[in-house]
Each structure stands twice: as C-alpha cells, then as structure tokens.
Protein backbone atom coordinates (compact mmCIF):
# COMPACT_ATOMS: atom_id res chain seq x y z
CA UNK A 1 0.00 0.00 0.00
CA UNK A 2 2.59 2.62 1.08
CA UNK A 3 5.20 1.21 -1.28
CA UNK A 4 2.86 1.77 -4.22
CA UNK A 5 1.93 5.24 -3.02
CA UNK A 6 5.60 6.11 -2.52
CA UNK A 7 6.36 5.08 -6.08
CA UNK A 8 3.51 7.21 -7.42
CA UNK A 9 4.59 10.23 -5.35
CA UNK A 10 8.22 9.77 -6.41
CA UNK A 11 7.36 9.46 -10.10
CA UNK A 12 5.42 12.72 -9.87
CA UNK A 13 8.37 14.41 -8.14
CA UNK A 14 10.67 13.20 -10.92
CA UNK A 15 8.24 14.45 -13.56
CA UNK A 16 8.11 17.88 -11.86
CA UNK A 17 11.92 18.17 -11.79
CA UNK A 18 12.61 17.59 -8.10
CA UNK A 19 14.90 14.63 -8.85
CA UNK A 20 17.16 15.84 -11.63
CA UNK A 21 20.19 14.16 -10.07
CA UNK A 22 21.13 11.01 -8.22
CA UNK A 23 20.43 10.56 -4.52
CA UNK A 24 23.92 11.34 -3.25
CA UNK A 25 24.28 11.81 0.53
CA UNK A 26 24.12 15.63 0.37
CA UNK A 27 20.94 15.54 -1.72
CA UNK A 28 19.40 13.01 0.68
CA UNK A 29 20.29 15.20 3.67
CA UNK A 30 18.68 18.22 1.99
CA UNK A 31 15.54 16.21 1.28
CA UNK A 32 15.42 15.11 4.92
CA UNK A 33 15.65 18.73 6.02
CA UNK A 34 12.75 19.56 3.70
CA UNK A 35 10.69 17.04 5.70
CA UNK A 36 11.79 18.82 8.89
CA UNK A 37 10.68 22.15 7.40
CA UNK A 38 7.24 20.68 6.68
CA UNK A 39 7.03 19.49 10.31
CA UNK A 40 7.91 23.04 11.40
CA UNK A 41 5.15 24.42 9.19
CA UNK A 42 2.65 22.02 10.79
CA UNK A 43 3.81 23.09 14.26
CA UNK A 44 3.40 26.75 13.33
CA UNK A 45 -0.08 26.08 11.97
CA UNK A 46 -1.05 24.54 15.33
CA UNK A 47 0.73 27.25 17.33
CA UNK A 48 -1.03 30.03 15.42
CA UNK A 49 -4.39 28.23 15.62
CA UNK A 50 -4.75 28.19 11.86
CA UNK A 51 -7.55 26.59 9.91
CA UNK A 52 -7.69 22.82 10.60
CA UNK A 53 -7.54 22.23 6.83
CA UNK A 54 -4.18 24.01 6.75
CA UNK A 55 -2.88 21.66 9.44
CA UNK A 56 -4.09 18.65 7.42
CA UNK A 57 -2.36 20.04 4.34
CA UNK A 58 0.91 20.33 6.24
CA UNK A 59 0.65 16.72 7.39
CA UNK A 60 -0.02 15.72 3.79
CA UNK A 61 3.19 17.54 2.79
CA UNK A 62 5.15 15.68 5.49
CA UNK A 63 3.89 12.32 4.24
CA UNK A 64 4.37 13.16 0.56
CA UNK A 65 7.96 14.33 1.06
CA UNK A 66 8.72 11.31 3.24
CA UNK A 67 7.32 8.83 0.73
CA UNK A 68 9.10 10.57 -2.13
CA UNK A 69 12.44 10.41 -0.35
CA UNK A 70 11.91 6.79 0.65
CA UNK A 71 11.18 5.77 -2.95
CA UNK A 72 14.19 7.73 -4.17
CA UNK A 73 16.40 5.99 -1.62
CA UNK A 74 15.05 2.61 -2.71
CA UNK A 75 15.85 3.53 -6.31
CA UNK A 76 19.38 4.56 -5.30
CA UNK A 77 19.96 1.37 -3.31
CA UNK A 78 20.08 2.97 0.16
CA UNK A 79 17.21 0.78 1.40
CA UNK A 80 15.85 -2.57 0.36
CA UNK A 81 13.06 -3.37 2.83
CA UNK A 82 9.45 -2.74 1.87
CA UNK A 83 8.06 0.26 3.72
CA UNK A 84 4.82 -1.64 4.28
CA UNK A 85 6.79 -4.47 5.90
CA UNK A 86 9.01 -2.11 7.91
CA UNK A 87 6.02 -0.31 9.41
CA UNK A 88 4.21 -3.54 10.24
CA UNK A 89 7.38 -4.94 11.83
CA UNK A 90 8.06 -1.74 13.81
CA UNK A 91 4.47 -1.51 15.07
CA UNK A 92 4.67 -5.10 16.28
CA UNK A 93 7.96 -4.39 18.07
CA UNK A 94 6.50 -1.27 19.68
CA UNK A 95 3.62 -3.26 21.22
CA UNK A 96 6.20 -5.04 23.40
CA UNK A 97 8.11 -1.96 24.51
CA UNK A 98 7.59 -0.33 27.93
CA UNK A 99 5.54 2.80 28.52
CA UNK A 100 7.17 5.75 26.71
CA UNK A 101 9.74 3.20 25.61
CA UNK A 102 11.41 3.49 29.01
CA UNK A 103 12.29 7.21 28.90
CA UNK A 104 10.85 10.28 30.65
CA UNK A 105 9.68 12.10 27.50
C-alpha cells in the first residue's frame, strides 16, 4: 500500500523536476531537512491556531515528502526493505516496549 503510493509520489516528483540528479548523501540530507521544514510548518499552523484544513495540508506535505524520499532511496539502493513491511514490523515491536519506551519524555 505505502510502497505503491511512494512510487507514485516519487514518479510525480521526478516528472516535476525535483529529482534531476542522483540521490547522493548531500541531496538526501537536503531532502530530509525539507521534511523537517514541513514538520515546522505544521507546528506553526497549530501554534497560530490556523484553519484545521491548513494543518491537514501540512501533514499531507510531510507524508508526501517522506514517501518521495523513501522511494528515491530505494531507487538509489540505500534501502531494500518494503516500507509496508518495515512499518508492520516496527508496530509489532513497539507493542512489546515499555511505557514511553522506558524514557521520561
């Protein structure tokens, strides 16, 4: 499900010119920081009590950029595991972890 969506998102990003080069480490780092900037925009939307639709749009941007980067990293050979499988596996692992995973916050 997410693997297919990631591929669709990534193909659109390629078509729109966001991937005009290979996924070298510097490019990957920049793309990761773009995800961080989207998270910051979502936080600001909450902080400024903006329209709930704006907050949803920011979360959509976070997910789109994350899926795009994941698919690009698969294409470049950085990762091999299916995102669908990785999430299922991680969720299962988290069910067995202690409250707050054993930390204060």
